[in-house]
Amino acid sequence: MFTARLEIRLPDEGDRERFVQLFRDSAFMVFSGGVLDDEAANLRFDQMLERAAEISFAKQPVIERSSGTVIGYSGVDRFEFEGESRLEYGYRLVPGARGRGYATEAGLAVLAAAADTYQGEVLAFIDPANHLSRNVLRKLGFRFWKNVSWEGGPTDFYRLDIA
């Protein structure tokens, strides 16, 4: 799919090198629990490919059209929460692409595509200190749900119902 400034598409094997590089970059992985080693970065990319084969709005490359560069990802993944398999929306951008509206632009496109094939709840979770992501989630229509201790620290959960 295309927006005014971005291309968002499902990942393919040709994206592996770029994503492994990004998953190993501390600036890209801020608010994520840290960088991954080569093995973990490759496994994470494998998971992106697996989820993309299952869900059309899974986490996928966000490409800046003017440069042709993969600047991050946007989309959903599955995770276990409160004893249930849930969909989690997430995004991550390289530092140079932050603050330019790309996260909102990509998220709106991905979630609009999701509405074509999915009805139900999508969760998003962020570090409470990540005020910029909170603003992005609100622009995408997510609403604060609750704060819980998750993976070693306080985490704000947001909900979006896709109808």
N, C-alpha and C. Protein backbone atom coordinates (compact mmCIF):
# COMPACT_ATOMS: atom_id res chain seq x y z
N MET A 1 0.85 -1.17 0.00
CA MET A 1 0.00 0.00 0.00
C MET A 1 0.89 1.23 0.00
N PHE A 2 0.34 2.31 -0.51
CA PHE A 2 1.09 3.55 -0.60
C PHE A 2 0.33 4.66 0.10
N THR A 3 1.09 5.55 0.74
CA THR A 3 0.56 6.79 1.27
C THR A 3 1.27 7.90 0.51
N ALA A 4 1.04 9.12 0.90
CA ALA A 4 1.70 10.24 0.22
C ALA A 4 3.22 10.10 0.25
N ARG A 5 3.75 9.62 1.38
CA ARG A 5 5.21 9.60 1.52
C ARG A 5 5.81 8.22 1.72
N LEU A 6 4.95 7.21 1.91
CA LEU A 6 5.44 5.90 2.32
C LEU A 6 4.90 4.77 1.46
N GLU A 7 5.67 3.69 1.42
CA GLU A 7 5.19 2.40 0.94
C GLU A 7 5.22 1.47 2.14
N ILE A 8 4.14 0.73 2.33
CA ILE A 8 4.07 -0.24 3.41
C ILE A 8 3.67 -1.55 2.75
N ARG A 9 4.49 -2.59 2.94
CA ARG A 9 4.22 -3.87 2.28
C ARG A 9 4.68 -5.00 3.19
N LEU A 10 4.18 -6.18 2.93
CA LEU A 10 4.59 -7.33 3.72
C LEU A 10 6.08 -7.60 3.51
N PRO A 11 6.75 -8.09 4.52
CA PRO A 11 8.19 -8.36 4.41
C PRO A 11 8.46 -9.56 3.51
N ASP A 12 9.65 -9.58 2.95
CA ASP A 12 10.13 -10.75 2.21
C ASP A 12 11.59 -10.97 2.57
N GLU A 13 12.13 -12.06 2.10
CA GLU A 13 13.50 -12.45 2.47
C GLU A 13 14.51 -11.35 2.13
N GLY A 14 14.24 -10.57 1.10
CA GLY A 14 15.14 -9.48 0.73
C GLY A 14 15.27 -8.39 1.79
N ASP A 15 14.36 -8.37 2.75
CA ASP A 15 14.40 -7.38 3.83
C ASP A 15 15.22 -7.83 5.03
N ARG A 16 15.66 -9.08 5.04
CA ARG A 16 16.32 -9.64 6.21
C ARG A 16 17.54 -8.83 6.65
N GLU A 17 18.44 -8.54 5.74
CA GLU A 17 19.69 -7.84 6.12
C GLU A 17 19.38 -6.50 6.79
N ARG A 18 18.45 -5.75 6.24
CA ARG A 18 18.11 -4.44 6.81
C ARG A 18 17.50 -4.59 8.21
N PHE A 19 16.58 -5.53 8.38
CA PHE A 19 15.95 -5.67 9.68
C PHE A 19 16.90 -6.24 10.73
N VAL A 20 17.77 -7.16 10.34
CA VAL A 20 18.76 -7.66 11.30
C VAL A 20 19.63 -6.49 11.76
N GLN A 21 20.02 -5.64 10.83
CA GLN A 21 20.80 -4.45 11.17
C GLN A 21 20.02 -3.56 12.14
N LEU A 22 18.75 -3.32 11.85
CA LEU A 22 17.94 -2.45 12.71
C LEU A 22 17.74 -3.06 14.09
N PHE A 23 17.48 -4.36 14.16
CA PHE A 23 17.26 -5.01 15.46
C PHE A 23 18.52 -5.04 16.31
N ARG A 24 19.66 -4.79 15.71
CA ARG A 24 20.94 -4.74 16.44
C ARG A 24 21.34 -3.31 16.79
N ASP A 25 20.52 -2.34 16.44
CA ASP A 25 20.83 -0.92 16.62
C ASP A 25 20.12 -0.39 17.88
N SER A 26 20.91 0.11 18.83
CA SER A 26 20.32 0.57 20.11
C SER A 26 19.38 1.76 19.92
N ALA A 27 19.65 2.63 18.99
CA ALA A 27 18.77 3.79 18.77
C ALA A 27 17.42 3.33 18.19
N PHE A 28 17.43 2.35 17.33
CA PHE A 28 16.19 1.82 16.77
C PHE A 28 15.40 1.05 17.82
N MET A 29 16.11 0.35 18.69
CA MET A 29 15.47 -0.55 19.66
C MET A 29 15.15 0.12 21.00
N VAL A 30 15.25 1.44 21.09
CA VAL A 30 14.93 2.15 22.31
C VAL A 30 13.49 1.80 22.74
N PHE A 31 13.25 1.72 24.02
CA PHE A 31 11.96 1.33 24.60
C PHE A 31 11.56 -0.11 24.26
N SER A 32 12.54 -0.95 23.95
CA SER A 32 12.19 -2.32 23.54
C SER A 32 12.83 -3.39 24.40
N GLY A 33 13.65 -3.02 25.35
CA GLY A 33 14.35 -4.03 26.13
C GLY A 33 15.76 -4.29 25.63
N GLY A 34 16.19 -3.56 24.62
CA GLY A 34 17.57 -3.66 24.20
C GLY A 34 17.77 -4.28 22.83
N VAL A 35 19.01 -4.21 22.39
CA VAL A 35 19.37 -4.73 21.07
C VAL A 35 19.40 -6.25 21.09
N LEU A 36 19.31 -6.82 19.91
CA LEU A 36 19.35 -8.27 19.75
C LEU A 36 20.71 -8.67 19.15
N ASP A 37 21.16 -9.87 19.48
CA ASP A 37 22.35 -10.38 18.81
C ASP A 37 21.91 -10.93 17.44
N ASP A 38 22.89 -11.38 16.64
CA ASP A 38 22.57 -11.84 15.28
C ASP A 38 21.52 -12.94 15.27
N GLU A 39 21.68 -13.92 16.14
CA GLU A 39 20.74 -15.04 16.15
C GLU A 39 19.33 -14.57 16.51
N ALA A 40 19.21 -13.78 17.56
CA ALA A 40 17.90 -13.29 17.98
C ALA A 40 17.29 -12.36 16.93
N ALA A 41 18.12 -11.54 16.28
CA ALA A 41 17.62 -10.63 15.24
C ALA A 41 17.08 -11.43 14.06
N ASN A 42 17.77 -12.48 13.68
CA ASN A 42 17.29 -13.33 12.58
C ASN A 42 16.01 -14.06 12.98
N LEU A 43 15.93 -14.53 14.21
CA LEU A 43 14.70 -15.18 14.68
C LEU A 43 13.53 -14.20 14.68
N ARG A 44 13.80 -12.98 15.09
CA ARG A 44 12.72 -11.98 15.08
C ARG A 44 12.25 -11.70 13.66
N PHE A 45 13.18 -11.64 12.73
CA PHE A 45 12.77 -11.44 11.34
C PHE A 45 12.01 -12.66 10.82
N ASP A 46 12.44 -13.86 11.19
CA ASP A 46 11.70 -15.07 10.81
C ASP A 46 10.26 -14.98 11.30
N GLN A 47 10.08 -14.47 12.52
CA GLN A 47 8.75 -14.32 13.08
C GLN A 47 7.92 -13.31 12.27
N MET A 48 8.56 -12.25 11.81
CA MET A 48 7.86 -11.29 10.95
C MET A 48 7.35 -11.98 9.68
N LEU A 49 8.20 -12.81 9.07
CA LEU A 49 7.80 -13.52 7.86
C LEU A 49 6.66 -14.49 8.13
N GLU A 50 6.76 -15.23 9.24
CA GLU A 50 5.71 -16.19 9.60
C GLU A 50 4.38 -15.49 9.83
N ARG A 51 4.40 -14.40 10.57
CA ARG A 51 3.16 -13.69 10.85
C ARG A 51 2.59 -13.08 9.58
N ALA A 52 3.44 -12.60 8.69
CA ALA A 52 2.97 -12.00 7.44
C ALA A 52 2.27 -13.03 6.55
N ALA A 53 2.69 -14.30 6.65
CA ALA A 53 2.02 -15.36 5.89
C ALA A 53 0.64 -15.65 6.45
N GLU A 54 0.41 -15.27 7.68
CA GLU A 54 -0.85 -15.55 8.37
C GLU A 54 -1.79 -14.35 8.39
N ILE A 55 -1.25 -13.14 8.57
CA ILE A 55 -2.05 -11.94 8.77
C ILE A 55 -1.61 -10.87 7.77
N SER A 56 -2.56 -10.36 7.00
CA SER A 56 -2.22 -9.40 5.95
C SER A 56 -1.79 -8.03 6.47
N PHE A 57 -2.05 -7.77 7.75
CA PHE A 57 -1.65 -6.49 8.34
C PHE A 57 -0.63 -6.70 9.46
N ALA A 58 0.17 -7.76 9.31
CA ALA A 58 1.25 -8.05 10.25
C ALA A 58 2.32 -6.96 10.17
N LYS A 59 3.27 -6.99 11.10
CA LYS A 59 4.36 -6.01 11.07
C LYS A 59 5.08 -6.12 9.74
N GLN A 60 5.23 -4.95 9.11
CA GLN A 60 5.78 -4.91 7.76
C GLN A 60 6.64 -3.69 7.55
N PRO A 61 7.54 -3.77 6.57
CA PRO A 61 8.43 -2.65 6.32
C PRO A 61 7.68 -1.37 5.97
N VAL A 62 8.19 -0.28 6.54
CA VAL A 62 7.75 1.06 6.18
C VAL A 62 8.91 1.66 5.38
N ILE A 63 8.62 2.02 4.14
CA ILE A 63 9.66 2.48 3.22
C ILE A 63 9.38 3.93 2.86
N GLU A 64 10.38 4.77 3.06
CA GLU A 64 10.26 6.17 2.66
C GLU A 64 10.36 6.22 1.14
N ARG A 65 9.31 6.67 0.48
CA ARG A 65 9.27 6.64 -0.98
C ARG A 65 10.34 7.53 -1.61
N SER A 66 10.64 8.67 -1.00
CA SER A 66 11.61 9.59 -1.61
C SER A 66 13.02 9.01 -1.65
N SER A 67 13.34 8.13 -0.69
CA SER A 67 14.70 7.56 -0.65
C SER A 67 14.73 6.07 -0.98
N GLY A 68 13.58 5.40 -0.89
CA GLY A 68 13.54 3.96 -1.10
C GLY A 68 14.10 3.16 0.06
N THR A 69 14.29 3.82 1.21
CA THR A 69 14.90 3.20 2.38
C THR A 69 13.86 2.67 3.35
N VAL A 70 14.10 1.44 3.85
CA VAL A 70 13.28 0.91 4.92
C VAL A 70 13.61 1.69 6.18
N ILE A 71 12.62 2.40 6.72
CA ILE A 71 12.84 3.25 7.89
C ILE A 71 12.23 2.66 9.17
N GLY A 72 11.62 1.48 9.05
CA GLY A 72 11.05 0.84 10.22
C GLY A 72 9.97 -0.13 9.84
N TYR A 73 9.05 -0.36 10.78
CA TYR A 73 7.93 -1.27 10.53
C TYR A 73 6.68 -0.75 11.22
N SER A 74 5.54 -1.30 10.79
CA SER A 74 4.24 -1.01 11.39
C SER A 74 3.35 -2.21 11.14
N GLY A 75 2.55 -2.58 12.15
CA GLY A 75 1.62 -3.69 11.97
C GLY A 75 1.42 -4.46 13.25
N VAL A 76 0.83 -5.64 13.13
CA VAL A 76 0.49 -6.43 14.31
C VAL A 76 1.31 -7.72 14.40
N ASP A 77 1.33 -8.23 15.61
CA ASP A 77 1.90 -9.54 15.90
C ASP A 77 0.98 -10.19 16.92
N ARG A 78 1.15 -11.46 17.14
CA ARG A 78 0.40 -12.15 18.19
C ARG A 78 1.24 -12.19 19.46
N PHE A 79 0.56 -12.12 20.61
CA PHE A 79 1.24 -12.30 21.89
C PHE A 79 0.23 -12.84 22.89
N GLU A 80 0.75 -13.44 23.94
CA GLU A 80 -0.10 -13.97 25.01
C GLU A 80 -0.23 -12.92 26.09
N PHE A 81 -1.47 -12.66 26.49
CA PHE A 81 -1.73 -11.70 27.56
C PHE A 81 -2.98 -12.13 28.30
N GLU A 82 -2.87 -12.21 29.60
CA GLU A 82 -3.98 -12.61 30.46
C GLU A 82 -4.60 -13.93 30.00
N GLY A 83 -3.73 -14.86 29.60
CA GLY A 83 -4.16 -16.20 29.22
C GLY A 83 -4.80 -16.33 27.85
N GLU A 84 -4.70 -15.29 27.04
CA GLU A 84 -5.30 -15.32 25.71
C GLU A 84 -4.29 -14.89 24.65
N SER A 85 -4.43 -15.44 23.45
CA SER A 85 -3.66 -14.96 22.31
C SER A 85 -4.33 -13.69 21.82
N ARG A 86 -3.56 -12.62 21.73
CA ARG A 86 -4.09 -11.30 21.35
C ARG A 86 -3.29 -10.75 20.17
N LEU A 87 -3.86 -9.78 19.50
CA LEU A 87 -3.13 -9.04 18.48
C LEU A 87 -2.57 -7.78 19.11
N GLU A 88 -1.30 -7.55 18.85
CA GLU A 88 -0.59 -6.37 19.37
C GLU A 88 -0.14 -5.52 18.20
N TYR A 89 -0.58 -4.27 18.16
CA TYR A 89 -0.11 -3.34 17.14
C TYR A 89 1.17 -2.69 17.66
N GLY A 90 2.14 -2.59 16.78
CA GLY A 90 3.37 -1.91 17.14
C GLY A 90 4.03 -1.29 15.92
N TYR A 91 4.89 -0.38 16.20
CA TYR A 91 5.67 0.27 15.15
C TYR A 91 7.01 0.66 15.74
N ARG A 92 7.95 0.88 14.87
CA ARG A 92 9.27 1.32 15.30
C ARG A 92 9.91 1.98 14.08
N LEU A 93 10.51 3.14 14.30
CA LEU A 93 11.15 3.88 13.21
C LEU A 93 12.58 4.24 13.57
N VAL A 94 13.42 4.40 12.55
CA VAL A 94 14.78 4.87 12.79
C VAL A 94 14.71 6.29 13.33
N PRO A 95 15.69 6.70 14.12
CA PRO A 95 15.65 8.04 14.73
C PRO A 95 15.42 9.17 13.73
N GLY A 96 16.03 9.11 12.56
CA GLY A 96 15.89 10.18 11.58
C GLY A 96 14.50 10.31 10.99
N ALA A 97 13.67 9.29 11.17
CA ALA A 97 12.31 9.32 10.65
C ALA A 97 11.28 9.69 11.71
N ARG A 98 11.72 9.80 12.95
CA ARG A 98 10.80 10.11 14.05
C ARG A 98 10.45 11.60 14.04
N GLY A 99 9.25 11.89 14.52
CA GLY A 99 8.83 13.28 14.63
C GLY A 99 8.39 13.91 13.32
N ARG A 100 8.21 13.09 12.30
CA ARG A 100 7.83 13.61 10.98
C ARG A 100 6.43 13.16 10.55
N GLY A 101 5.72 12.49 11.47
CA GLY A 101 4.37 12.02 11.16
C GLY A 101 4.32 10.68 10.45
N TYR A 102 5.47 10.06 10.22
CA TYR A 102 5.50 8.78 9.51
C TYR A 102 4.80 7.67 10.30
N ALA A 103 4.97 7.64 11.62
CA ALA A 103 4.35 6.57 12.41
C ALA A 103 2.84 6.63 12.29
N THR A 104 2.28 7.81 12.37
CA THR A 104 0.84 7.98 12.24
C THR A 104 0.39 7.64 10.82
N GLU A 105 1.10 8.12 9.84
CA GLU A 105 0.76 7.87 8.43
C GLU A 105 0.76 6.37 8.13
N ALA A 106 1.80 5.68 8.56
CA ALA A 106 1.88 4.23 8.33
C ALA A 106 0.81 3.50 9.12
N GLY A 107 0.62 3.88 10.37
CA GLY A 107 -0.37 3.21 11.21
C GLY A 107 -1.78 3.35 10.67
N LEU A 108 -2.14 4.53 10.21
CA LEU A 108 -3.47 4.72 9.64
C LEU A 108 -3.68 3.82 8.42
N ALA A 109 -2.65 3.70 7.59
CA ALA A 109 -2.75 2.86 6.40
C ALA A 109 -2.89 1.38 6.78
N VAL A 110 -2.07 0.93 7.70
CA VAL A 110 -2.10 -0.48 8.12
C VAL A 110 -3.43 -0.81 8.78
N LEU A 111 -3.90 0.05 9.66
CA LEU A 111 -5.15 -0.23 10.36
C LEU A 111 -6.37 -0.13 9.44
N ALA A 112 -6.30 0.74 8.44
CA ALA A 112 -7.38 0.79 7.44
C ALA A 112 -7.41 -0.52 6.65
N ALA A 113 -6.24 -1.03 6.30
CA ALA A 113 -6.18 -2.32 5.60
C ALA A 113 -6.68 -3.44 6.50
N ALA A 114 -6.37 -3.37 7.78
CA ALA A 114 -6.83 -4.38 8.73
C ALA A 114 -8.35 -4.45 8.76
N ALA A 115 -9.00 -3.30 8.69
CA ALA A 115 -10.46 -3.24 8.76
C ALA A 115 -11.12 -3.95 7.58
N ASP A 116 -10.37 -4.19 6.50
CA ASP A 116 -10.92 -4.91 5.35
C ASP A 116 -11.10 -6.39 5.63
N THR A 117 -10.33 -6.94 6.57
CA THR A 117 -10.34 -8.39 6.78
C THR A 117 -10.51 -8.80 8.23
N TYR A 118 -10.54 -7.84 9.15
CA TYR A 118 -10.53 -8.19 10.57
C TYR A 118 -11.53 -7.34 11.33
N GLN A 119 -12.22 -7.99 12.24
CA GLN A 119 -13.07 -7.29 13.18
C GLN A 119 -12.71 -7.78 14.57
N GLY A 120 -12.42 -6.87 15.47
CA GLY A 120 -12.09 -7.27 16.83
C GLY A 120 -11.12 -6.31 17.47
N GLU A 121 -10.59 -6.76 18.58
CA GLU A 121 -9.72 -5.95 19.42
C GLU A 121 -8.26 -6.05 18.98
N VAL A 122 -7.59 -4.93 19.05
CA VAL A 122 -6.14 -4.87 18.87
C VAL A 122 -5.60 -4.10 20.07
N LEU A 123 -4.55 -4.62 20.67
CA LEU A 123 -3.91 -3.95 21.80
C LEU A 123 -2.60 -3.33 21.35
N ALA A 124 -2.16 -2.34 22.07
CA ALA A 124 -0.84 -1.75 21.90
C ALA A 124 -0.31 -1.50 23.30
N PHE A 125 0.99 -1.68 23.48
CA PHE A 125 1.56 -1.41 24.79
C PHE A 125 2.84 -0.61 24.65
N ILE A 126 3.02 0.32 25.61
CA ILE A 126 4.19 1.20 25.55
C ILE A 126 4.72 1.44 26.96
N ASP A 127 5.96 1.84 27.00
CA ASP A 127 6.58 2.31 28.23
C ASP A 127 5.87 3.62 28.60
N PRO A 128 5.44 3.77 29.86
CA PRO A 128 4.74 5.01 30.25
C PRO A 128 5.55 6.28 29.99
N ALA A 129 6.86 6.16 29.91
CA ALA A 129 7.71 7.34 29.65
C ALA A 129 7.75 7.71 28.17
N ASN A 130 7.21 6.88 27.31
CA ASN A 130 7.27 7.13 25.88
C ASN A 130 6.07 7.97 25.44
N HIS A 131 6.14 9.27 25.76
CA HIS A 131 5.04 10.19 25.49
C HIS A 131 4.73 10.34 24.00
N LEU A 132 5.76 10.27 23.17
CA LEU A 132 5.53 10.42 21.73
C LEU A 132 4.69 9.27 21.18
N SER A 133 4.98 8.04 21.64
CA SER A 133 4.18 6.90 21.18
C SER A 133 2.75 6.99 21.70
N ARG A 134 2.57 7.47 22.89
CA ARG A 134 1.22 7.65 23.42
C ARG A 134 0.43 8.57 22.48
N ASN A 135 1.04 9.64 22.03
CA ASN A 135 0.36 10.56 21.12
C ASN A 135 0.03 9.90 19.79
N VAL A 136 0.96 9.09 19.27
CA VAL A 136 0.71 8.38 18.01
C VAL A 136 -0.48 7.44 18.19
N LEU A 137 -0.47 6.67 19.27
CA LEU A 137 -1.57 5.72 19.49
C LEU A 137 -2.92 6.44 19.55
N ARG A 138 -2.96 7.56 20.21
CA ARG A 138 -4.21 8.32 20.28
C ARG A 138 -4.66 8.79 18.90
N LYS A 139 -3.72 9.24 18.08
CA LYS A 139 -4.06 9.66 16.72
C LYS A 139 -4.59 8.50 15.89
N LEU A 140 -4.17 7.28 16.23
CA LEU A 140 -4.62 6.09 15.51
C LEU A 140 -5.95 5.57 16.04
N GLY A 141 -6.46 6.17 17.11
CA GLY A 141 -7.75 5.77 17.66
C GLY A 141 -7.68 4.85 18.87
N PHE A 142 -6.48 4.51 19.32
CA PHE A 142 -6.34 3.68 20.52
C PHE A 142 -6.72 4.50 21.75
N ARG A 143 -7.27 3.82 22.74
CA ARG A 143 -7.63 4.45 24.00
C ARG A 143 -6.94 3.73 25.14
N PHE A 144 -6.48 4.50 26.13
CA PHE A 144 -5.82 3.91 27.29
C PHE A 144 -6.74 2.89 27.93
N TRP A 145 -6.17 1.73 28.29
CA TRP A 145 -6.95 0.67 28.94
C TRP A 145 -6.50 0.50 30.37
N LYS A 146 -5.20 0.20 30.57
CA LYS A 146 -4.71 0.00 31.92
C LYS A 146 -3.19 -0.04 31.94
N ASN A 147 -2.66 0.17 33.15
CA ASN A 147 -1.22 0.05 33.38
C ASN A 147 -1.00 -1.23 34.16
N VAL A 148 -0.09 -2.07 33.68
CA VAL A 148 0.22 -3.33 34.35
C VAL A 148 1.73 -3.52 34.40
N SER A 149 2.17 -4.38 35.29
CA SER A 149 3.56 -4.79 35.29
C SER A 149 3.72 -5.85 34.20
N TRP A 150 4.55 -5.56 33.23
CA TRP A 150 4.69 -6.43 32.06
C TRP A 150 6.16 -6.50 31.69
N GLU A 151 6.68 -7.70 31.59
CA GLU A 151 8.06 -7.93 31.18
C GLU A 151 9.04 -7.07 31.96
N GLY A 152 8.86 -7.04 33.28
CA GLY A 152 9.85 -6.40 34.13
C GLY A 152 9.61 -4.95 34.48
N GLY A 153 8.52 -4.38 34.06
CA GLY A 153 8.30 -2.98 34.40
C GLY A 153 6.88 -2.54 34.12
N PRO A 154 6.55 -1.33 34.55
CA PRO A 154 5.21 -0.81 34.29
C PRO A 154 5.00 -0.58 32.79
N THR A 155 3.83 -0.94 32.31
CA THR A 155 3.53 -0.83 30.89
C THR A 155 2.10 -0.33 30.73
N ASP A 156 1.93 0.65 29.86
CA ASP A 156 0.60 1.16 29.54
C ASP A 156 0.03 0.38 28.37
N PHE A 157 -1.17 -0.17 28.55
CA PHE A 157 -1.86 -0.89 27.49
C PHE A 157 -2.97 -0.01 26.94
N TYR A 158 -3.10 -0.05 25.62
CA TYR A 158 -4.12 0.69 24.89
C TYR A 158 -4.92 -0.30 24.07
N ARG A 159 -6.19 0.06 23.78
CA ARG A 159 -7.08 -0.81 23.01
C ARG A 159 -7.68 -0.05 21.84
N LEU A 160 -7.91 -0.81 20.78
CA LEU A 160 -8.62 -0.31 19.60
C LEU A 160 -9.55 -1.42 19.15
N ASP A 161 -10.82 -1.08 18.96
CA ASP A 161 -11.78 -2.04 18.41
C ASP A 161 -11.97 -1.74 16.94
N ILE A 162 -11.63 -2.71 16.12
CA ILE A 162 -11.82 -2.56 14.66
C ILE A 162 -13.16 -3.18 14.33
N ALA A 163 -14.03 -2.39 13.73
CA ALA A 163 -15.37 -2.89 13.41
C ALA A 163 -15.51 -3.14 11.92
